[in-house]
Amino acid sequence: MKNITPHMSDSRFQALSQQEAKRLGAIPERKDLLETRIIRLLPEADVEAKDKTILTVMRDPGNTAGILRVVERLLADGYAVDILADGRGLEAIKKKFGDKASTVSEESSPLAASAALAPDVMLLTHTTSEEGLENFSAASFENTPIVFIEDMYGAAAEFIERMKERAGLDGVLKRIEKICVSDRYAFDSIAAKYPDFKDKLVITGQPLYDRLHGEPHEDMRKKVRNGLSLAEDEKLIAFFGASSTDKLPQTPNTKTALELIVKQLRQWTGQKIKFIFRNHPRDLITPAQYQEIINELGEAAVPLRESNKFNVDEVNAAADVVVSLPFSTITYDSLYRDTPTLVLAEDAKEHERTRPVPSVETGAAKRVSDLSIFSEALSGTLDHNSESSRQMRKAREEYFKLDGRNTQRVANEVEKIA
């Protein structure tokens, strides 16, 4: 398939340079990302194979983590899977499947190689950092039905708007058979804005969070607390930063937020606490710069070198209160773990109609829009008997439940259509 020649009359090719044809939506400053490939996965020999192929896309870690679970389920059920992938998504596929993943496109462009594909269903999601993969896939296979997974609240609305705005892509919307959403909040939000899609919405839960079902939460908590030598009555407050390369609405700068939080906690007179900070792996601020800020808390803060002895999941599971940013998956990890959560989010603006902050709007987490009252918000959250804590617990129970079957429900929707 390496020598497939594209139809050069196709408008998809005319606007692309040779380099762009190798990578869809390339970002020059992201040198770490690899050229786009088409990867083919086949069911194991002992699985009764269906004569059906599913096409999906993978790029960023968040998008990939959920989709990979569905891909595994589809393979186990006998379906072949083609994946248009690059960057962290391609790395994850190679790590997960190794030699079982065969490359359809190697030297030729993925646009050219895609001409040989004939998927029965497309499983799409929002790849986050760039839009090329799902745009291209949606536009290229004109008769292929689509199942869309809303992997982050607001992603379905963004996809729908993008298809409406771009010339020649509005027909894609007619091919969406199902939109898989996390919960009733997501269902109602999309149905209110796009009533024509109401019958296509199905509450499956997000496959990404199946990993939290049945995890050894208490063992993880003990590991961190014992590793940090925390006293029985000492509360662990964990702040997880965001990438400094992402320009997200309502999201304060991590370094600035940390400085303001530390300033507040220096005057803390409430329960005994230990503060732990984790910087985002794509943050351009150096750990040394963050450590300089943290040092102002003295023994009340965990040094970064100690924090990094534990993985992010362990720190999240061990925290008594999680402090996070509005569009971080860490926020939802903590809510699914039933952990009290403070979300640092600026006041709602117009764009929240397509990028909501459900952690706050459902009442499951508390919004902190003014960091000058951070200590007050933290104190109220640490008081489990306060009215706000009771309301947040109730909302977490309603919206953030786990049964470990989200992946299966999404796969079922794909298989019904295939």
Protein backbone atom coordinates (compact mmCIF):
# COMPACT_ATOMS: atom_id res chain seq x y z
CA MET A 1 0.00 0.00 0.00
CA LYS A 2 3.03 2.27 0.20
CA ASN A 3 2.85 3.02 -3.52
CA ILE A 4 -0.79 4.08 -3.70
CA THR A 5 -1.12 7.17 -5.87
CA PRO A 6 -3.57 9.82 -4.69
CA HIS A 7 -6.14 11.34 -6.99
CA MET A 8 -4.52 14.76 -7.40
CA SER A 9 -7.81 16.29 -8.53
CA ASP A 10 -9.01 15.71 -4.98
CA SER A 11 -9.23 19.10 -3.21
CA ARG A 12 -7.81 17.51 -0.07
CA PHE A 13 -4.42 17.24 -1.79
CA GLN A 14 -4.27 20.50 -3.69
CA ALA A 15 -3.89 22.68 -0.59
CA LEU A 16 -1.24 20.50 1.05
CA SER A 17 2.54 20.70 0.78
CA GLN A 18 4.55 17.46 0.68
CA GLN A 19 5.34 17.81 4.39
CA GLU A 20 1.71 18.49 5.32
CA ALA A 21 0.64 15.44 3.35
CA LYS A 22 2.84 13.34 5.61
CA ARG A 23 1.45 14.87 8.76
CA LEU A 24 -2.09 16.17 9.06
CA GLY A 25 -2.19 19.55 10.76
CA ALA A 26 1.52 19.67 11.62
CA ILE A 27 2.60 22.11 14.33
CA PRO A 28 6.17 23.36 13.67
CA GLU A 29 7.01 23.92 17.34
CA ARG A 30 5.99 20.35 18.29
CA LYS A 31 9.14 18.62 17.03
CA ASP A 32 8.45 15.64 19.27
CA LEU A 33 5.42 14.61 17.24
CA LEU A 34 5.82 11.95 14.59
CA GLU A 35 4.51 11.81 11.05
CA THR A 36 0.98 10.51 10.69
CA ARG A 37 0.63 6.77 10.08
CA ILE A 38 -2.22 4.39 9.38
CA ILE A 39 -1.95 1.41 11.73
CA ARG A 40 -3.89 -1.83 11.24
CA LEU A 41 -4.87 -4.15 14.08
CA LEU A 42 -6.46 -7.56 13.55
CA PRO A 43 -8.26 -9.84 16.02
CA GLU A 44 -6.24 -12.65 17.61
CA ALA A 45 -6.21 -15.95 15.72
CA ASP A 46 -8.42 -17.65 18.31
CA VAL A 47 -11.15 -14.99 17.98
CA GLU A 48 -13.94 -15.49 15.46
CA ALA A 49 -13.30 -12.64 13.03
CA LYS A 50 -16.08 -10.43 11.72
CA ASP A 51 -15.80 -9.18 8.16
CA LYS A 52 -15.97 -5.61 9.46
CA THR A 53 -13.41 -2.84 9.96
CA ILE A 54 -13.60 0.14 12.31
CA LEU A 55 -11.57 3.30 11.63
CA THR A 56 -10.54 5.58 14.48
CA VAL A 57 -8.03 8.36 15.22
CA MET A 58 -5.47 8.91 17.99
CA ARG A 59 -3.15 11.78 18.80
CA ASP A 60 -3.05 13.28 22.30
CA PRO A 61 -2.72 11.20 25.51
CA GLY A 62 -6.23 11.99 26.80
CA ASN A 63 -7.91 11.16 23.49
CA THR A 64 -5.82 8.01 23.10
CA ALA A 65 -6.33 6.56 26.59
CA GLY A 66 -10.09 6.23 26.16
CA ILE A 67 -10.09 5.12 22.51
CA LEU A 68 -7.49 2.39 23.13
CA ARG A 69 -9.84 0.70 25.59
CA VAL A 70 -12.61 0.59 23.00
CA VAL A 71 -10.18 -0.68 20.35
CA GLU A 72 -9.20 -3.58 22.64
CA ARG A 73 -12.86 -4.45 23.16
CA LEU A 74 -13.61 -4.35 19.42
CA LEU A 75 -10.62 -6.59 18.65
CA ALA A 76 -11.78 -9.05 21.30
CA ASP A 77 -15.19 -9.09 19.63
CA GLY A 78 -13.65 -9.93 16.23
CA TYR A 79 -13.48 -6.56 14.49
CA ALA A 80 -10.45 -5.29 12.57
CA VAL A 81 -9.38 -1.74 13.46
CA ASP A 82 -7.53 0.84 11.35
CA ILE A 83 -6.09 3.81 13.24
CA LEU A 84 -4.99 7.14 11.80
CA ALA A 85 -2.39 8.12 14.41
CA ASP A 86 0.63 10.21 15.26
CA GLY A 87 2.35 11.80 18.24
CA ARG A 88 1.64 10.31 21.66
CA GLY A 89 -1.19 8.28 20.15
CA LEU A 90 1.20 6.43 17.84
CA GLU A 91 3.59 5.83 20.70
CA ALA A 92 0.80 4.41 22.85
CA ILE A 93 -0.31 2.02 20.09
CA LYS A 94 3.23 0.70 19.65
CA LYS A 95 3.64 0.29 23.39
CA LYS A 96 0.30 -1.51 23.75
CA PHE A 97 0.30 -3.76 20.69
CA GLY A 98 3.96 -3.98 19.61
CA ASP A 99 4.46 -6.17 16.53
CA LYS A 100 0.73 -6.85 16.31
CA ALA A 101 0.30 -3.32 14.92
CA SER A 102 1.11 -3.32 11.21
CA THR A 103 1.76 -0.05 9.39
CA VAL A 104 -0.39 0.54 6.31
CA SER A 105 1.30 3.85 5.45
CA GLU A 106 5.03 4.21 5.93
CA GLU A 107 6.74 6.39 3.34
CA SER A 108 3.69 7.56 1.42
CA SER A 109 1.35 10.14 2.88
CA PRO A 110 -1.60 8.96 5.01
CA LEU A 111 -3.85 10.83 2.61
CA ALA A 112 -2.69 8.60 -0.23
CA ALA A 113 -2.80 5.37 1.74
CA SER A 114 -6.29 6.12 3.02
CA ALA A 115 -7.65 5.62 -0.48
CA ALA A 116 -7.33 1.87 0.11
CA LEU A 117 -9.35 1.90 3.33
CA ALA A 118 -13.01 0.92 3.47
CA PRO A 119 -14.23 1.26 7.05
CA ASP A 120 -17.69 0.08 8.03
CA VAL A 121 -17.89 2.52 10.95
CA MET A 122 -15.79 5.48 12.08
CA LEU A 123 -15.19 5.98 15.78
CA LEU A 124 -14.23 9.62 16.24
CA THR A 125 -13.37 11.85 19.13
CA HIS A 126 -11.78 15.23 19.71
CA THR A 127 -7.99 14.88 19.32
CA THR A 128 -7.47 18.14 21.26
CA SER A 129 -4.22 19.77 20.14
CA GLU A 130 -4.93 19.68 16.40
CA GLU A 131 -8.04 19.10 14.35
CA GLY A 132 -6.62 17.46 11.23
CA LEU A 133 -7.18 13.81 12.05
CA GLU A 134 -10.88 13.77 12.78
CA ASN A 135 -11.63 16.43 10.13
CA PHE A 136 -9.87 14.41 7.46
CA SER A 137 -11.44 11.12 8.51
CA ALA A 138 -14.93 12.57 8.68
CA ALA A 139 -14.62 14.16 5.25
CA SER A 140 -12.86 11.30 3.45
CA PHE A 141 -15.32 8.42 3.81
CA GLU A 142 -18.56 9.91 2.55
CA ASN A 143 -20.79 6.88 3.09
CA THR A 144 -19.39 5.69 6.42
CA PRO A 145 -21.52 6.14 9.56
CA ILE A 146 -19.92 7.85 12.56
CA VAL A 147 -19.97 7.14 16.28
CA PHE A 148 -18.57 10.12 18.19
CA ILE A 149 -17.26 9.81 21.75
CA GLU A 150 -17.40 13.03 23.72
CA ASP A 151 -14.13 12.47 25.55
CA MET A 152 -14.33 15.86 27.28
CA TYR A 153 -17.40 17.94 28.04
CA GLY A 154 -18.10 20.36 25.19
CA ALA A 155 -16.16 18.34 22.60
CA ALA A 156 -19.29 17.25 20.72
CA ALA A 157 -20.48 20.84 20.39
CA GLU A 158 -17.06 21.90 19.10
CA PHE A 159 -17.08 19.10 16.52
CA ILE A 160 -20.60 19.92 15.36
CA GLU A 161 -19.78 23.63 15.00
CA ARG A 162 -16.58 22.87 13.13
CA MET A 163 -18.42 20.68 10.63
CA LYS A 164 -21.03 23.43 10.12
CA GLU A 165 -18.47 26.17 9.57
CA ARG A 166 -16.13 24.47 7.11
CA ALA A 167 -17.06 24.30 3.45
CA GLY A 168 -18.00 20.82 2.32
CA LEU A 169 -18.09 19.28 5.79
CA ASP A 170 -21.68 20.03 6.79
CA GLY A 171 -22.76 16.70 5.25
CA VAL A 172 -20.70 14.89 7.88
CA LEU A 173 -23.32 15.67 10.50
CA LYS A 174 -25.92 13.58 8.68
CA ARG A 175 -23.69 10.54 9.09
CA ILE A 176 -23.42 10.77 12.87
CA GLU A 177 -25.37 7.78 14.13
CA LYS A 178 -24.53 8.08 17.83
CA ILE A 179 -22.86 10.51 20.21
CA CYS A 180 -21.63 8.74 23.34
CA VAL A 181 -21.65 11.03 26.37
CA SER A 182 -20.56 10.75 29.99
CA ASP A 183 -23.71 11.53 31.93
CA ARG A 184 -27.11 13.23 32.09
CA TYR A 185 -25.47 16.67 32.34
CA ALA A 186 -23.70 16.15 29.00
CA PHE A 187 -26.84 14.66 27.43
CA ASP A 188 -29.02 17.60 28.46
CA SER A 189 -26.44 20.20 27.43
CA ILE A 190 -26.12 18.85 23.89
CA ALA A 191 -29.85 18.17 23.48
CA ALA A 192 -30.68 21.75 24.53
CA LYS A 193 -28.31 23.28 21.99
CA TYR A 194 -28.81 20.75 19.18
CA PRO A 195 -32.33 19.28 19.49
CA ASP A 196 -31.92 17.50 16.13
CA PHE A 197 -29.27 15.30 17.75
CA LYS A 198 -31.26 14.33 20.81
CA ASP A 199 -32.24 10.92 19.44
CA LYS A 200 -28.59 10.20 18.61
CA LEU A 201 -27.33 10.81 22.15
CA VAL A 202 -26.61 7.87 24.42
CA ILE A 203 -25.21 7.91 27.95
CA THR A 204 -22.37 5.39 27.94
CA GLY A 205 -19.91 6.95 30.35
CA GLN A 206 -16.35 7.82 29.35
CA PRO A 207 -14.16 4.73 28.68
CA LEU A 208 -11.10 6.51 30.09
CA TYR A 209 -12.51 6.30 33.61
CA ASP A 210 -13.06 2.56 33.61
CA ARG A 211 -9.45 2.35 34.80
CA LEU A 212 -10.53 3.82 38.15
CA HIS A 213 -13.17 1.18 38.79
CA GLY A 214 -11.88 -1.34 41.29
CA GLU A 215 -8.48 0.34 41.72
CA PRO A 216 -6.79 -0.20 45.12
CA HIS A 217 -7.66 3.32 46.25
CA GLU A 218 -6.93 2.79 49.93
CA ASP A 219 -3.61 1.06 49.23
CA MET A 220 -2.56 3.97 46.98
CA ARG A 221 -3.54 6.43 49.68
CA LYS A 222 -1.55 4.59 52.34
CA LYS A 223 1.50 4.33 50.09
CA VAL A 224 1.68 8.10 49.63
CA ARG A 225 0.81 9.05 53.18
CA ASN A 226 3.34 6.61 54.62
CA GLY A 227 5.95 7.70 52.08
CA LEU A 228 5.52 11.32 53.14
CA SER A 229 5.38 10.40 56.85
CA LEU A 230 2.09 12.26 57.27
CA ALA A 231 0.50 12.37 60.71
CA GLU A 232 -2.95 10.81 61.16
CA ASP A 233 -4.61 14.21 61.45
CA GLU A 234 -2.61 15.84 58.63
CA LYS A 235 -4.57 16.71 55.49
CA LEU A 236 -2.91 16.39 52.08
CA ILE A 237 -3.75 19.23 49.67
CA ALA A 238 -2.70 18.44 46.08
CA PHE A 239 -2.48 21.09 43.35
CA PHE A 240 -2.12 19.83 39.76
CA GLY A 241 -0.95 22.39 37.20
CA ALA A 242 -1.80 22.74 33.51
CA SER A 243 0.37 22.90 30.41
CA SER A 244 1.78 26.36 29.80
CA THR A 245 1.54 25.69 26.04
CA ASP A 246 -2.26 25.32 26.08
CA LYS A 247 -4.30 28.53 25.85
CA LEU A 248 -7.56 27.51 27.46
CA PRO A 249 -10.42 29.82 28.43
CA GLN A 250 -11.06 30.59 32.11
CA THR A 251 -7.78 28.91 33.07
CA PRO A 252 -5.32 30.89 35.21
CA ASN A 253 -1.58 30.61 34.64
CA THR A 254 -0.26 27.77 36.81
CA LYS A 255 2.79 29.66 38.10
CA THR A 256 0.72 32.71 39.03
CA ALA A 257 -1.91 30.54 40.72
CA LEU A 258 0.76 28.68 42.70
CA GLU A 259 2.26 31.95 43.90
CA LEU A 260 -1.13 33.21 45.10
CA ILE A 261 -2.00 29.91 46.80
CA VAL A 262 1.34 29.83 48.60
CA LYS A 263 0.83 33.41 49.72
CA GLN A 264 -2.53 32.39 51.20
CA LEU A 265 -1.25 29.22 52.86
CA ARG A 266 1.61 31.06 54.56
CA GLN A 267 -1.10 32.62 56.74
CA TRP A 268 -3.00 29.34 57.23
CA THR A 269 -4.35 28.79 60.76
CA GLY A 270 -6.77 25.92 60.14
CA GLN A 271 -6.29 22.15 60.27
CA LYS A 272 -2.78 20.75 59.94
CA ILE A 273 -2.02 20.41 56.21
CA LYS A 274 0.70 19.29 53.86
CA PHE A 275 0.79 20.89 50.40
CA ILE A 276 1.94 18.89 47.36
CA PHE A 277 2.30 20.28 43.83
CA ARG A 278 2.58 18.44 40.52
CA ASN A 279 3.55 20.36 37.40
CA HIS A 280 2.17 19.33 34.00
CA PRO A 281 4.59 17.31 31.79
CA ARG A 282 4.18 19.88 28.97
CA ASP A 283 4.81 22.87 31.23
CA LEU A 284 7.64 25.13 30.06
CA ILE A 285 8.26 26.45 33.57
CA THR A 286 11.20 24.57 35.11
CA PRO A 287 10.79 22.49 38.28
CA ALA A 288 13.44 24.70 39.91
CA GLN A 289 11.26 27.77 39.39
CA TYR A 290 8.31 26.02 41.00
CA GLN A 291 10.44 24.71 43.86
CA GLU A 292 11.55 28.25 44.66
CA ILE A 293 7.89 29.23 45.16
CA ILE A 294 7.07 26.11 47.18
CA ASN A 295 10.03 26.71 49.49
CA GLU A 296 8.14 29.64 51.02
CA LEU A 297 5.88 27.14 52.79
CA GLY A 298 8.79 25.45 54.53
CA GLU A 299 7.92 22.08 56.11
CA ALA A 300 4.24 22.49 55.18
CA ALA A 301 5.11 21.69 51.55
CA VAL A 302 6.38 18.50 49.93
CA PRO A 303 9.58 19.10 47.88
CA LEU A 304 9.13 18.29 44.19
CA ARG A 305 11.79 15.57 44.39
CA GLU A 306 9.66 13.82 47.04
CA SER A 307 6.44 14.39 45.12
CA ASN A 308 7.90 12.78 42.01
CA LYS A 309 8.48 9.50 43.86
CA PHE A 310 4.78 8.85 43.32
CA ASN A 311 2.81 8.81 40.07
CA VAL A 312 0.00 11.25 39.39
CA ASP A 313 -2.73 8.69 40.09
CA GLU A 314 -1.23 7.88 43.49
CA VAL A 315 -1.05 11.53 44.52
CA ASN A 316 -4.58 12.14 43.27
CA ALA A 317 -5.92 9.13 45.17
CA ALA A 318 -4.12 10.12 48.37
CA ALA A 319 -5.26 13.75 48.45
CA ASP A 320 -7.84 14.96 50.98
CA VAL A 321 -8.54 17.93 48.69
CA VAL A 322 -7.56 18.25 45.03
CA VAL A 323 -6.93 21.70 43.53
CA SER A 324 -7.06 21.68 39.74
CA LEU A 325 -7.89 23.64 36.61
CA PRO A 326 -11.20 23.60 34.70
CA PHE A 327 -10.36 21.49 31.65
CA SER A 328 -7.93 19.05 33.23
CA THR A 329 -8.67 15.33 33.30
CA ILE A 330 -7.20 15.41 36.82
CA THR A 331 -10.35 17.23 37.92
CA TYR A 332 -12.55 14.35 36.83
CA ASP A 333 -10.16 11.72 38.18
CA SER A 334 -10.62 13.27 41.62
CA LEU A 335 -14.41 13.51 41.30
CA TYR A 336 -14.73 9.87 40.22
CA ARG A 337 -12.57 9.02 43.25
CA ASP A 338 -15.07 10.98 45.38
CA THR A 339 -12.40 13.47 46.47
CA PRO A 340 -13.41 17.05 47.46
CA THR A 341 -12.18 19.29 44.64
CA LEU A 342 -11.50 23.01 44.19
CA VAL A 343 -11.45 24.19 40.57
CA LEU A 344 -9.50 27.36 39.80
CA ALA A 345 -11.67 28.86 37.08
CA GLU A 346 -12.34 32.44 36.13
CA ASP A 347 -15.97 33.56 36.12
CA ALA A 348 -18.16 32.15 33.36
CA LYS A 349 -17.98 33.91 30.00
CA GLU A 350 -19.79 33.54 26.71
CA HIS A 351 -17.56 30.70 25.46
CA GLU A 352 -18.77 28.49 28.28
CA ARG A 353 -21.77 27.63 26.09
CA THR A 354 -19.46 25.33 24.12
CA ARG A 355 -16.77 24.82 26.79
CA PRO A 356 -18.68 24.34 30.02
CA VAL A 357 -17.10 23.62 33.40
CA PRO A 358 -19.32 20.68 34.41
CA SER A 359 -17.31 19.88 37.52
CA VAL A 360 -18.60 23.17 38.90
CA GLU A 361 -21.96 23.41 37.12
CA THR A 362 -23.07 20.02 38.40
CA GLY A 363 -22.19 21.14 41.91
CA ALA A 364 -19.63 18.34 42.32
CA ALA A 365 -16.69 20.73 42.76
CA LYS A 366 -16.30 24.26 44.10
CA ARG A 367 -15.23 27.08 41.79
CA VAL A 368 -12.52 29.41 43.09
CA SER A 369 -12.48 32.41 40.77
CA ASP A 370 -10.75 34.78 43.22
CA LEU A 371 -7.58 33.29 44.68
CA SER A 372 -7.52 35.91 47.41
CA ILE A 373 -10.19 33.79 49.15
CA PHE A 374 -8.50 30.44 48.49
CA SER A 375 -7.94 29.76 52.20
CA GLU A 376 -11.61 30.35 52.94
CA ALA A 377 -12.66 27.95 50.16
CA LEU A 378 -10.17 25.33 51.37
CA SER A 379 -11.34 25.60 54.97
CA GLY A 380 -14.99 25.07 53.96
CA THR A 381 -14.06 22.10 51.78
CA LEU A 382 -12.05 20.43 54.57
CA ASP A 383 -15.13 20.65 56.80
CA HIS A 384 -17.02 17.56 55.68
CA ASN A 385 -20.07 18.59 57.68
CA SER A 386 -20.50 21.97 56.00
CA GLU A 387 -23.49 22.49 53.73
CA SER A 388 -21.28 23.04 50.67
CA SER A 389 -19.42 19.76 51.35
CA ARG A 390 -22.71 17.86 51.65
CA GLN A 391 -23.97 19.34 48.38
CA MET A 392 -20.74 18.44 46.57
CA ARG A 393 -20.89 14.86 47.88
CA LYS A 394 -24.46 14.53 46.67
CA ALA A 395 -23.52 15.80 43.19
CA ARG A 396 -20.53 13.46 42.96
CA GLU A 397 -22.80 10.54 43.79
CA GLU A 398 -25.27 11.61 41.09
CA TYR A 399 -22.90 12.47 38.22
CA PHE A 400 -19.60 10.70 38.86
CA LYS A 401 -20.41 7.04 39.43
CA LEU A 402 -18.38 4.10 38.13
CA ASP A 403 -19.38 0.58 37.21
CA GLY A 404 -16.44 -0.31 34.93
CA ARG A 405 -18.67 -0.85 31.86
CA ASN A 406 -18.26 2.43 29.96
CA THR A 407 -15.93 0.85 27.38
CA GLN A 408 -18.34 -2.02 26.75
CA ARG A 409 -21.27 0.35 26.26
CA VAL A 410 -19.36 2.39 23.64
CA ALA A 411 -18.24 -0.76 21.83
CA ASN A 412 -21.84 -1.99 21.80
CA GLU A 413 -22.97 1.20 20.03
CA VAL A 414 -20.26 0.76 17.37
CA GLU A 415 -21.10 -2.92 16.85
CA LYS A 416 -24.84 -2.24 16.47
CA ILE A 417 -24.07 0.00 13.49
CA ALA A 418 -21.33 -2.17 11.93
